[in-house]
Amino acid sequence: MSLKNVFQVLITPIDDKDEFEKLIDDMVDVGCLMLATMNPELQKQYEDMVAYEMIQNLKEIYERQARHER
């Protein structure tokens, strides 16, 4: 499931329990994959966050860093 689809599902009411469970499983898979690609220091920092929170936090950090470098 693409990230765009995850966001769309998050804002759409879910009536089907199986669909909801699949969404949660997909979100966990994405979070695990993201953590697996990070160095150990970042893993500790992000281990208690879901994928969406990780993405938002990393985006904020690196946008700020890019602005500073410019």
C-alpha atoms as a PDB file:
ATOM      1  CA  MET A   1       0.000   0.000   0.000  1.00  0.00           C
ATOM      2  CA  SER A   2       1.453   3.363  -0.946  1.00  0.00           C
ATOM      3  CA  LEU A   3       1.810   6.154   1.577  1.00  0.00           C
ATOM      4  CA  LYS A   4      -0.777   8.192  -0.333  1.00  0.00           C
ATOM      5  CA  ASN A   5      -3.260   5.326   0.023  1.00  0.00           C
ATOM      6  CA  VAL A   6      -2.545   5.061   3.748  1.00  0.00           C
ATOM      7  CA  PHE A   7      -3.306   8.747   4.249  1.00  0.00           C
ATOM      8  CA  GLN A   8      -6.494   8.425   2.194  1.00  0.00           C
ATOM      9  CA  VAL A   9      -7.637   5.479   4.292  1.00  0.00           C
ATOM     10  CA  LEU A  10      -6.827   7.347   7.503  1.00  0.00           C
ATOM     11  CA  ILE A  11      -9.236  10.123   6.596  1.00  0.00           C
ATOM     12  CA  THR A  12     -11.940   7.757   5.311  1.00  0.00           C
ATOM     13  CA  PRO A  13     -14.232   5.933   7.751  1.00  0.00           C
ATOM     14  CA  ILE A  14     -13.478   2.203   7.800  1.00  0.00           C
ATOM     15  CA  ASP A  15     -16.445  -0.114   8.198  1.00  0.00           C
ATOM     16  CA  ASP A  16     -14.699  -3.410   7.450  1.00  0.00           C
ATOM     17  CA  LYS A  17     -12.699  -4.895  10.346  1.00  0.00           C
ATOM     18  CA  ASP A  18     -10.465  -6.879   7.977  1.00  0.00           C
ATOM     19  CA  GLU A  19      -9.636  -3.734   6.006  1.00  0.00           C
ATOM     20  CA  PHE A  20      -8.766  -1.922   9.232  1.00  0.00           C
ATOM     21  CA  GLU A  21      -6.527  -4.774  10.413  1.00  0.00           C
ATOM     22  CA  LYS A  22      -4.747  -4.821   7.036  1.00  0.00           C
ATOM     23  CA  LEU A  23      -4.183  -1.070   7.291  1.00  0.00           C
ATOM     24  CA  ILE A  24      -2.667  -1.465  10.748  1.00  0.00           C
ATOM     25  CA  ASP A  25      -0.463  -4.337   9.531  1.00  0.00           C
ATOM     26  CA  ASP A  26       0.713  -2.223   6.589  1.00  0.00           C
ATOM     27  CA  MET A  27       1.510   0.705   8.885  1.00  0.00           C
ATOM     28  CA  VAL A  28       3.528  -1.572  11.169  1.00  0.00           C
ATOM     29  CA  ASP A  29       5.399  -3.006   8.162  1.00  0.00           C
ATOM     30  CA  VAL A  30       6.279   0.475   6.900  1.00  0.00           C
ATOM     31  CA  GLY A  31       7.451   1.542  10.359  1.00  0.00           C
ATOM     32  CA  CYS A  32       9.619  -1.573  10.722  1.00  0.00           C
ATOM     33  CA  LEU A  33      11.137  -1.051   7.284  1.00  0.00           C
ATOM     34  CA  MET A  34      11.914   2.573   8.094  1.00  0.00           C
ATOM     35  CA  LEU A  35      13.550   1.611  11.398  1.00  0.00           C
ATOM     36  CA  ALA A  36      15.579  -1.139   9.718  1.00  0.00           C
ATOM     37  CA  THR A  37      17.132   1.381   7.326  1.00  0.00           C
ATOM     38  CA  MET A  38      18.145   3.839  10.072  1.00  0.00           C
ATOM     39  CA  ASN A  39      21.345   3.907  12.063  1.00  0.00           C
ATOM     40  CA  PRO A  40      21.085   2.691  15.685  1.00  0.00           C
ATOM     41  CA  GLU A  41      20.954   6.229  17.106  1.00  0.00           C
ATOM     42  CA  LEU A  42      17.923   7.142  14.993  1.00  0.00           C
ATOM     43  CA  GLN A  43      16.313   3.765  15.689  1.00  0.00           C
ATOM     44  CA  LYS A  44      16.297   4.511  19.415  1.00  0.00           C
ATOM     45  CA  GLN A  45      14.839   7.956  18.796  1.00  0.00           C
ATOM     46  CA  TYR A  46      12.009   6.699  16.557  1.00  0.00           C
ATOM     47  CA  GLU A  47      11.237   3.239  17.958  1.00  0.00           C
ATOM     48  CA  ASP A  48       8.073   4.387  19.755  1.00  0.00           C
ATOM     49  CA  MET A  49       6.621   6.291  16.789  1.00  0.00           C
ATOM     50  CA  VAL A  50       4.380   5.107  13.986  1.00  0.00           C
ATOM     51  CA  ALA A  51       5.526   5.607  10.391  1.00  0.00           C
ATOM     52  CA  TYR A  52       3.522   8.793   9.864  1.00  0.00           C
ATOM     53  CA  GLU A  53       5.063  10.445  12.929  1.00  0.00           C
ATOM     54  CA  MET A  54       8.547   9.377  11.811  1.00  0.00           C
ATOM     55  CA  ILE A  55       8.004  10.853   8.357  1.00  0.00           C
ATOM     56  CA  GLN A  56       6.697  14.130   9.735  1.00  0.00           C
ATOM     57  CA  ASN A  57       9.550  14.456  12.221  1.00  0.00           C
ATOM     58  CA  LEU A  58      12.273  13.580   9.710  1.00  0.00           C
ATOM     59  CA  LYS A  59      10.765  15.948   7.156  1.00  0.00           C
ATOM     60  CA  GLU A  60      10.770  18.785   9.684  1.00  0.00           C
ATOM     61  CA  ILE A  61      14.378  18.107  10.727  1.00  0.00           C
ATOM     62  CA  TYR A  62      15.775  17.848   7.216  1.00  0.00           C
ATOM     63  CA  GLU A  63      13.802  20.809   5.868  1.00  0.00           C
ATOM     64  CA  ARG A  64      15.192  22.920   8.691  1.00  0.00           C
ATOM     65  CA  GLN A  65      18.712  21.638   7.986  1.00  0.00           C
ATOM     66  CA  ALA A  66      18.393  22.347   4.249  1.00  0.00           C
ATOM     67  CA  ARG A  67      17.146  25.866   4.968  1.00  0.00           C
ATOM     68  CA  HIS A  68      20.104  26.455   7.283  1.00  0.00           C
ATOM     69  CA  GLU A  69      22.586  25.202   4.667  1.00  0.00           C
ATOM     70  CA  ARG A  70      21.145  27.507   2.004  1.00  0.00           C
END
